[in-house]
Amino acid sequence: MNGRSRADIKPGARVQVVQKQDQRSGRLTEGIVQDILTKSPTHPHGIKVRLEGGIVGRVKEILPDT
């Protein structure tokens, strides 16, 4: 699943995000969603979230629970 719809993302979900400084390289960071920062229901570049540990980025992929 991609991360463009806010309804698909819940706190506690495992996701891959791209941080602001990594947008050009496309480097992804994996983590657990702590807070959803985007208020609108969708966003073309991905919903912005804060991961546990304080990293902020836009969701590029929602990973399945293991």
PDB file of N, CA and C in Angstrom:
ATOM      1  N   MET A   1       0.838  -1.192   0.000  1.00  0.00           N
ATOM      2  CA  MET A   1       0.000   0.000   0.000  1.00  0.00           C
ATOM      3  C   MET A   1       0.877   1.247   0.000  1.00  0.00           C
ATOM      4  N   ASN A   2       0.438   2.231  -0.751  1.00  0.00           N
ATOM      5  CA  ASN A   2       1.175   3.492  -0.709  1.00  0.00           C
ATOM      6  C   ASN A   2       0.640   4.342   0.444  1.00  0.00           C
ATOM      7  N   GLY A   3       1.317   5.418   0.746  1.00  0.00           N
ATOM      8  CA  GLY A   3       0.974   6.217   1.918  1.00  0.00           C
ATOM      9  C   GLY A   3       0.253   7.500   1.606  1.00  0.00           C
ATOM     10  N   ARG A   4      -0.567   7.522   0.547  1.00  0.00           N
ATOM     11  CA  ARG A   4      -1.224   8.769   0.141  1.00  0.00           C
ATOM     12  C   ARG A   4      -2.567   9.006   0.806  1.00  0.00           C
ATOM     13  N   SER A   5      -3.129   7.979   1.439  1.00  0.00           N
ATOM     14  CA  SER A   5      -4.438   8.110   2.076  1.00  0.00           C
ATOM     15  C   SER A   5      -4.289   8.040   3.598  1.00  0.00           C
ATOM     16  N   ARG A   6      -4.804   9.059   4.274  1.00  0.00           N
ATOM     17  CA  ARG A   6      -4.681   9.142   5.735  1.00  0.00           C
ATOM     18  C   ARG A   6      -5.410   7.991   6.420  1.00  0.00           C
ATOM     19  N   ALA A   7      -6.512   7.521   5.827  1.00  0.00           N
ATOM     20  CA  ALA A   7      -7.318   6.451   6.427  1.00  0.00           C
ATOM     21  C   ALA A   7      -6.551   5.128   6.509  1.00  0.00           C
ATOM     22  N   ASP A   8      -5.541   4.946   5.656  1.00  0.00           N
ATOM     23  CA  ASP A   8      -4.766   3.692   5.636  1.00  0.00           C
ATOM     24  C   ASP A   8      -3.710   3.638   6.729  1.00  0.00           C
ATOM     25  N   ILE A   9      -3.407   4.781   7.355  1.00  0.00           N
ATOM     26  CA  ILE A   9      -2.288   4.873   8.293  1.00  0.00           C
ATOM     27  C   ILE A   9      -2.821   5.033   9.709  1.00  0.00           C
ATOM     28  N   LYS A  10      -2.351   4.192  10.597  1.00  0.00           N
ATOM     29  CA  LYS A  10      -2.774   4.243  12.002  1.00  0.00           C
ATOM     30  C   LYS A  10      -1.536   4.315  12.893  1.00  0.00           C
ATOM     31  N   PRO A  11      -1.618   4.989  14.050  1.00  0.00           N
ATOM     32  CA  PRO A  11      -0.499   4.935  14.999  1.00  0.00           C
ATOM     33  C   PRO A  11      -0.190   3.475  15.355  1.00  0.00           C
ATOM     34  N   GLY A  12       1.087   3.135  15.362  1.00  0.00           N
ATOM     35  CA  GLY A  12       1.512   1.768  15.630  1.00  0.00           C
ATOM     36  C   GLY A  12       1.808   0.979  14.364  1.00  0.00           C
ATOM     37  N   ALA A  13       1.456   1.527  13.200  1.00  0.00           N
ATOM     38  CA  ALA A  13       1.704   0.838  11.931  1.00  0.00           C
ATOM     39  C   ALA A  13       3.195   0.922  11.571  1.00  0.00           C
ATOM     40  N   ARG A  14       3.710  -0.129  10.942  1.00  0.00           N
ATOM     41  CA  ARG A  14       5.093  -0.136  10.447  1.00  0.00           C
ATOM     42  C   ARG A  14       5.105   0.436   9.030  1.00  0.00           C
ATOM     43  N   VAL A  15       5.908   1.457   8.804  1.00  0.00           N
ATOM     44  CA  VAL A  15       5.925   2.148   7.513  1.00  0.00           C
ATOM     45  C   VAL A  15       7.363   2.457   7.083  1.00  0.00           C
ATOM     46  N   GLN A  16       7.489   2.824   5.807  1.00  0.00           N
ATOM     47  CA  GLN A  16       8.742   3.374   5.304  1.00  0.00           C
ATOM     48  C   GLN A  16       8.453   4.804   4.886  1.00  0.00           C
ATOM     49  N   VAL A  17       9.286   5.737   5.364  1.00  0.00           N
ATOM     50  CA  VAL A  17       9.103   7.156   5.059  1.00  0.00           C
ATOM     51  C   VAL A  17      10.344   7.704   4.375  1.00  0.00           C
ATOM     52  N   VAL A  18      10.154   8.812   3.645  1.00  0.00           N
ATOM     53  CA  VAL A  18      11.280   9.566   3.115  1.00  0.00           C
ATOM     54  C   VAL A  18      11.344  10.863   3.906  1.00  0.00           C
ATOM     55  N   GLN A  19      12.514  11.141   4.477  1.00  0.00           N
ATOM     56  CA  GLN A  19      12.713  12.373   5.237  1.00  0.00           C
ATOM     57  C   GLN A  19      13.003  13.518   4.274  1.00  0.00           C
ATOM     58  N   LYS A  20      12.803  14.742   4.721  1.00  0.00           N
ATOM     59  CA  LYS A  20      12.986  15.930   3.881  1.00  0.00           C
ATOM     60  C   LYS A  20      14.364  15.941   3.219  1.00  0.00           C
ATOM     61  N   GLN A  21      15.405  15.679   3.996  1.00  0.00           N
ATOM     62  CA  GLN A  21      16.763  15.736   3.451  1.00  0.00           C
ATOM     63  C   GLN A  21      17.067  14.584   2.497  1.00  0.00           C
ATOM     64  N   ASP A  22      16.226  13.542   2.479  1.00  0.00           N
ATOM     65  CA  ASP A  22      16.451  12.381   1.616  1.00  0.00           C
ATOM     66  C   ASP A  22      15.540  12.371   0.392  1.00  0.00           C
ATOM     67  N   GLN A  23      14.775  13.433   0.164  1.00  0.00           N
ATOM     68  CA  GLN A  23      13.828  13.439  -0.959  1.00  0.00           C
ATOM     69  C   GLN A  23      14.528  13.297  -2.296  1.00  0.00           C
ATOM     70  N   ARG A  24      15.682  13.927  -2.461  1.00  0.00           N
ATOM     71  CA  ARG A  24      16.389  13.852  -3.742  1.00  0.00           C
ATOM     72  C   ARG A  24      16.954  12.462  -3.993  1.00  0.00           C
ATOM     73  N   SER A  25      17.488  11.827  -2.951  1.00  0.00           N
ATOM     74  CA  SER A  25      18.076  10.494  -3.109  1.00  0.00           C
ATOM     75  C   SER A  25      17.018   9.399  -3.055  1.00  0.00           C
ATOM     76  N   GLY A  26      15.882   9.675  -2.392  1.00  0.00           N
ATOM     77  CA  GLY A  26      14.827   8.680  -2.265  1.00  0.00           C
ATOM     78  C   GLY A  26      15.088   7.639  -1.184  1.00  0.00           C
ATOM     79  N   ARG A  27      16.081   7.891  -0.317  1.00  0.00           N
ATOM     80  CA  ARG A  27      16.413   6.940   0.749  1.00  0.00           C
ATOM     81  C   ARG A  27      15.249   6.822   1.728  1.00  0.00           C
ATOM     82  N   LEU A  28      14.846   5.583   2.022  1.00  0.00           N
ATOM     83  CA  LEU A  28      13.710   5.329   2.902  1.00  0.00           C
ATOM     84  C   LEU A  28      14.178   4.953   4.299  1.00  0.00           C
ATOM     85  N   THR A  29      13.387   5.344   5.296  1.00  0.00           N
ATOM     86  CA  THR A  29      13.638   5.032   6.692  1.00  0.00           C
ATOM     87  C   THR A  29      12.428   4.264   7.212  1.00  0.00           C
ATOM     88  N   GLU A  30      12.674   3.123   7.850  1.00  0.00           N
ATOM     89  CA  GLU A  30      11.581   2.300   8.378  1.00  0.00           C
ATOM     90  C   GLU A  30      11.349   2.630   9.842  1.00  0.00           C
ATOM     91  N   GLY A  31      10.085   2.593  10.255  1.00  0.00           N
ATOM     92  CA  GLY A  31       9.779   2.841  11.654  1.00  0.00           C
ATOM     93  C   GLY A  31       8.311   2.622  11.965  1.00  0.00           C
ATOM     94  N   ILE A  32       7.955   2.900  13.205  1.00  0.00           N
ATOM     95  CA  ILE A  32       6.588   2.745  13.710  1.00  0.00           C
ATOM     96  C   ILE A  32       5.959   4.129  13.857  1.00  0.00           C
ATOM     97  N   VAL A  33       4.753   4.309  13.330  1.00  0.00           N
ATOM     98  CA  VAL A  33       4.055   5.602  13.382  1.00  0.00           C
ATOM     99  C   VAL A  33       3.680   5.937  14.825  1.00  0.00           C
ATOM    100  N   GLN A  34       4.079   7.133  15.246  1.00  0.00           N
ATOM    101  CA  GLN A  34       3.682   7.646  16.562  1.00  0.00           C
ATOM    102  C   GLN A  34       2.524   8.623  16.392  1.00  0.00           C
ATOM    103  N   ASP A  35       2.670   9.604  15.474  1.00  0.00           N
ATOM    104  CA  ASP A  35       1.639  10.622  15.237  1.00  0.00           C
ATOM    105  C   ASP A  35       1.458  10.828  13.740  1.00  0.00           C
ATOM    106  N   ILE A  36       0.220  11.136  13.333  1.00  0.00           N
ATOM    107  CA  ILE A  36      -0.059  11.527  11.950  1.00  0.00           C
ATOM    108  C   ILE A  36      -0.118  13.047  11.926  1.00  0.00           C
ATOM    109  N   LEU A  37       0.713  13.672  11.097  1.00  0.00           N
ATOM    110  CA  LEU A  37       0.828  15.135  11.093  1.00  0.00           C
ATOM    111  C   LEU A  37      -0.014  15.799  10.007  1.00  0.00           C
ATOM    112  N   THR A  38      -0.274  15.118   8.886  1.00  0.00           N
ATOM    113  CA  THR A  38      -1.086  15.682   7.814  1.00  0.00           C
ATOM    114  C   THR A  38      -2.554  15.648   8.215  1.00  0.00           C
ATOM    115  N   LYS A  39      -3.242  16.762   8.081  1.00  0.00           N
ATOM    116  CA  LYS A  39      -4.656  16.845   8.463  1.00  0.00           C
ATOM    117  C   LYS A  39      -5.602  16.452   7.321  1.00  0.00           C
ATOM    118  N   SER A  40      -5.201  16.679   6.073  1.00  0.00           N
ATOM    119  CA  SER A  40      -6.093  16.379   4.944  1.00  0.00           C
ATOM    120  C   SER A  40      -6.200  14.867   4.726  1.00  0.00           C
ATOM    121  N   PRO A  41      -7.316  14.392   4.124  1.00  0.00           N
ATOM    122  CA  PRO A  41      -7.517  12.948   3.961  1.00  0.00           C
ATOM    123  C   PRO A  41      -6.542  12.293   2.982  1.00  0.00           C
ATOM    124  N   THR A  42      -6.012  13.056   2.024  1.00  0.00           N
ATOM    125  CA  THR A  42      -5.024  12.518   1.082  1.00  0.00           C
ATOM    126  C   THR A  42      -3.951  13.563   0.831  1.00  0.00           C
ATOM    127  N   HIS A  43      -2.804  13.097   0.340  1.00  0.00           N
ATOM    128  CA  HIS A  43      -1.722  14.005  -0.058  1.00  0.00           C
ATOM    129  C   HIS A  43      -0.950  13.327  -1.179  1.00  0.00           C
ATOM    130  N   PRO A  44      -0.684  14.044  -2.299  1.00  0.00           N
ATOM    131  CA  PRO A  44      -0.042  13.403  -3.457  1.00  0.00           C
ATOM    132  C   PRO A  44       1.380  12.903  -3.199  1.00  0.00           C
ATOM    133  N   HIS A  45       2.081  13.478  -2.216  1.00  0.00           N
ATOM    134  CA  HIS A  45       3.465  13.057  -1.939  1.00  0.00           C
ATOM    135  C   HIS A  45       3.554  12.126  -0.737  1.00  0.00           C
ATOM    136  N   GLY A  46       2.428  11.797  -0.135  1.00  0.00           N
ATOM    137  CA  GLY A  46       2.418  10.916   1.026  1.00  0.00           C
ATOM    138  C   GLY A  46       2.031  11.666   2.287  1.00  0.00           C
ATOM    139  N   ILE A  47       1.399  10.948   3.197  1.00  0.00           N
ATOM    140  CA  ILE A  47       0.964  11.532   4.468  1.00  0.00           C
ATOM    141  C   ILE A  47       2.185  11.732   5.369  1.00  0.00           C
ATOM    142  N   LYS A  48       2.298  12.909   5.975  1.00  0.00           N
ATOM    143  CA  LYS A  48       3.432  13.200   6.851  1.00  0.00           C
ATOM    144  C   LYS A  48       3.153  12.630   8.240  1.00  0.00           C
ATOM    145  N   VAL A  49       4.139  11.892   8.773  1.00  0.00           N
ATOM    146  CA  VAL A  49       3.993  11.263  10.088  1.00  0.00           C
ATOM    147  C   VAL A  49       5.254  11.493  10.916  1.00  0.00           C
ATOM    148  N   ARG A  50       5.103  11.327  12.241  1.00  0.00           N
ATOM    149  CA  ARG A  50       6.249  11.296  13.150  1.00  0.00           C
ATOM    150  C   ARG A  50       6.395   9.855  13.601  1.00  0.00           C
ATOM    151  N   LEU A  51       7.604   9.319  13.447  1.00  0.00           N
ATOM    152  CA  LEU A  51       7.874   7.956  13.880  1.00  0.00           C
ATOM    153  C   LEU A  51       8.305   7.957  15.339  1.00  0.00           C
ATOM    154  N   GLU A  52       8.213   6.785  15.988  1.00  0.00           N
ATOM    155  CA  GLU A  52       8.772   6.639  17.330  1.00  0.00           C
ATOM    156  C   GLU A  52      10.261   6.940  17.212  1.00  0.00           C
ATOM    157  N   GLY A  53      10.762   7.788  18.069  1.00  0.00           N
ATOM    158  CA  GLY A  53      12.145   8.235  17.963  1.00  0.00           C
ATOM    159  C   GLY A  53      12.244   9.645  17.406  1.00  0.00           C
ATOM    160  N   GLY A  54      11.112  10.209  16.921  1.00  0.00           N
ATOM    161  CA  GLY A  54      11.084  11.604  16.516  1.00  0.00           C
ATOM    162  C   GLY A  54      11.332  11.894  15.055  1.00  0.00           C
ATOM    163  N   ILE A  55      11.612  10.901  14.231  1.00  0.00           N
ATOM    164  CA  ILE A  55      11.855  11.138  12.804  1.00  0.00           C
ATOM    165  C   ILE A  55      10.545  11.529  12.138  1.00  0.00           C
ATOM    166  N   VAL A  56      10.588  12.589  11.305  1.00  0.00           N
ATOM    167  CA  VAL A  56       9.412  13.052  10.566  1.00  0.00           C
ATOM    168  C   VAL A  56       9.655  12.821   9.089  1.00  0.00           C
ATOM    169  N   GLY A  57       8.644  12.278   8.409  1.00  0.00           N
ATOM    170  CA  GLY A  57       8.766  12.050   6.977  1.00  0.00           C
ATOM    171  C   GLY A  57       7.421  11.735   6.360  1.00  0.00           C
ATOM    172  N   ARG A  58       7.420  11.620   5.030  1.00  0.00           N
ATOM    173  CA  ARG A  58       6.200  11.290   4.291  1.00  0.00           C
ATOM    174  C   ARG A  58       6.185   9.800   3.989  1.00  0.00           C
ATOM    175  N   VAL A  59       5.046   9.163   4.247  1.00  0.00           N
ATOM    176  CA  VAL A  59       4.919   7.711   4.074  1.00  0.00           C
ATOM    177  C   VAL A  59       4.972   7.365   2.591  1.00  0.00           C
ATOM    178  N   LYS A  60       5.878   6.445   2.246  1.00  0.00           N
ATOM    179  CA  LYS A  60       5.980   5.944   0.882  1.00  0.00           C
ATOM    180  C   LYS A  60       5.427   4.534   0.780  1.00  0.00           C
ATOM    181  N   GLU A  61       5.477   3.786   1.871  1.00  0.00           N
ATOM    182  CA  GLU A  61       4.947   2.421   1.854  1.00  0.00           C
ATOM    183  C   GLU A  61       4.506   2.018   3.254  1.00  0.00           C
ATOM    184  N   ILE A  62       3.373   1.326   3.310  1.00  0.00           N
ATOM    185  CA  ILE A  62       2.886   0.756   4.564  1.00  0.00           C
ATOM    186  C   ILE A  62       3.255  -0.710   4.542  1.00  0.00           C
ATOM    187  N   LEU A  63       3.997  -1.151   5.543  1.00  0.00           N
ATOM    188  CA  LEU A  63       4.488  -2.526   5.581  1.00  0.00           C
ATOM    189  C   LEU A  63       3.488  -3.421   6.304  1.00  0.00           C
ATOM    190  N   PRO A  64       3.392  -4.683   5.882  1.00  0.00           N
ATOM    191  CA  PRO A  64       2.474  -5.601   6.564  1.00  0.00           C
ATOM    192  C   PRO A  64       2.999  -5.926   7.954  1.00  0.00           C
ATOM    193  N   ASP A  65       2.082  -6.171   8.904  1.00  0.00           N
ATOM    194  CA  ASP A  65       2.479  -6.567  10.250  1.00  0.00           C
ATOM    195  C   ASP A  65       3.059  -7.970  10.207  1.00  0.00           C
ATOM    196  N   THR A  66       4.082  -8.192  11.015  1.00  0.00           N
ATOM    197  CA  THR A  66       4.693  -9.534  11.037  1.00  0.00           C
ATOM    198  C   THR A  66       4.317 -10.263  12.294  1.00  0.00           C
TER     199      THR A  66
END
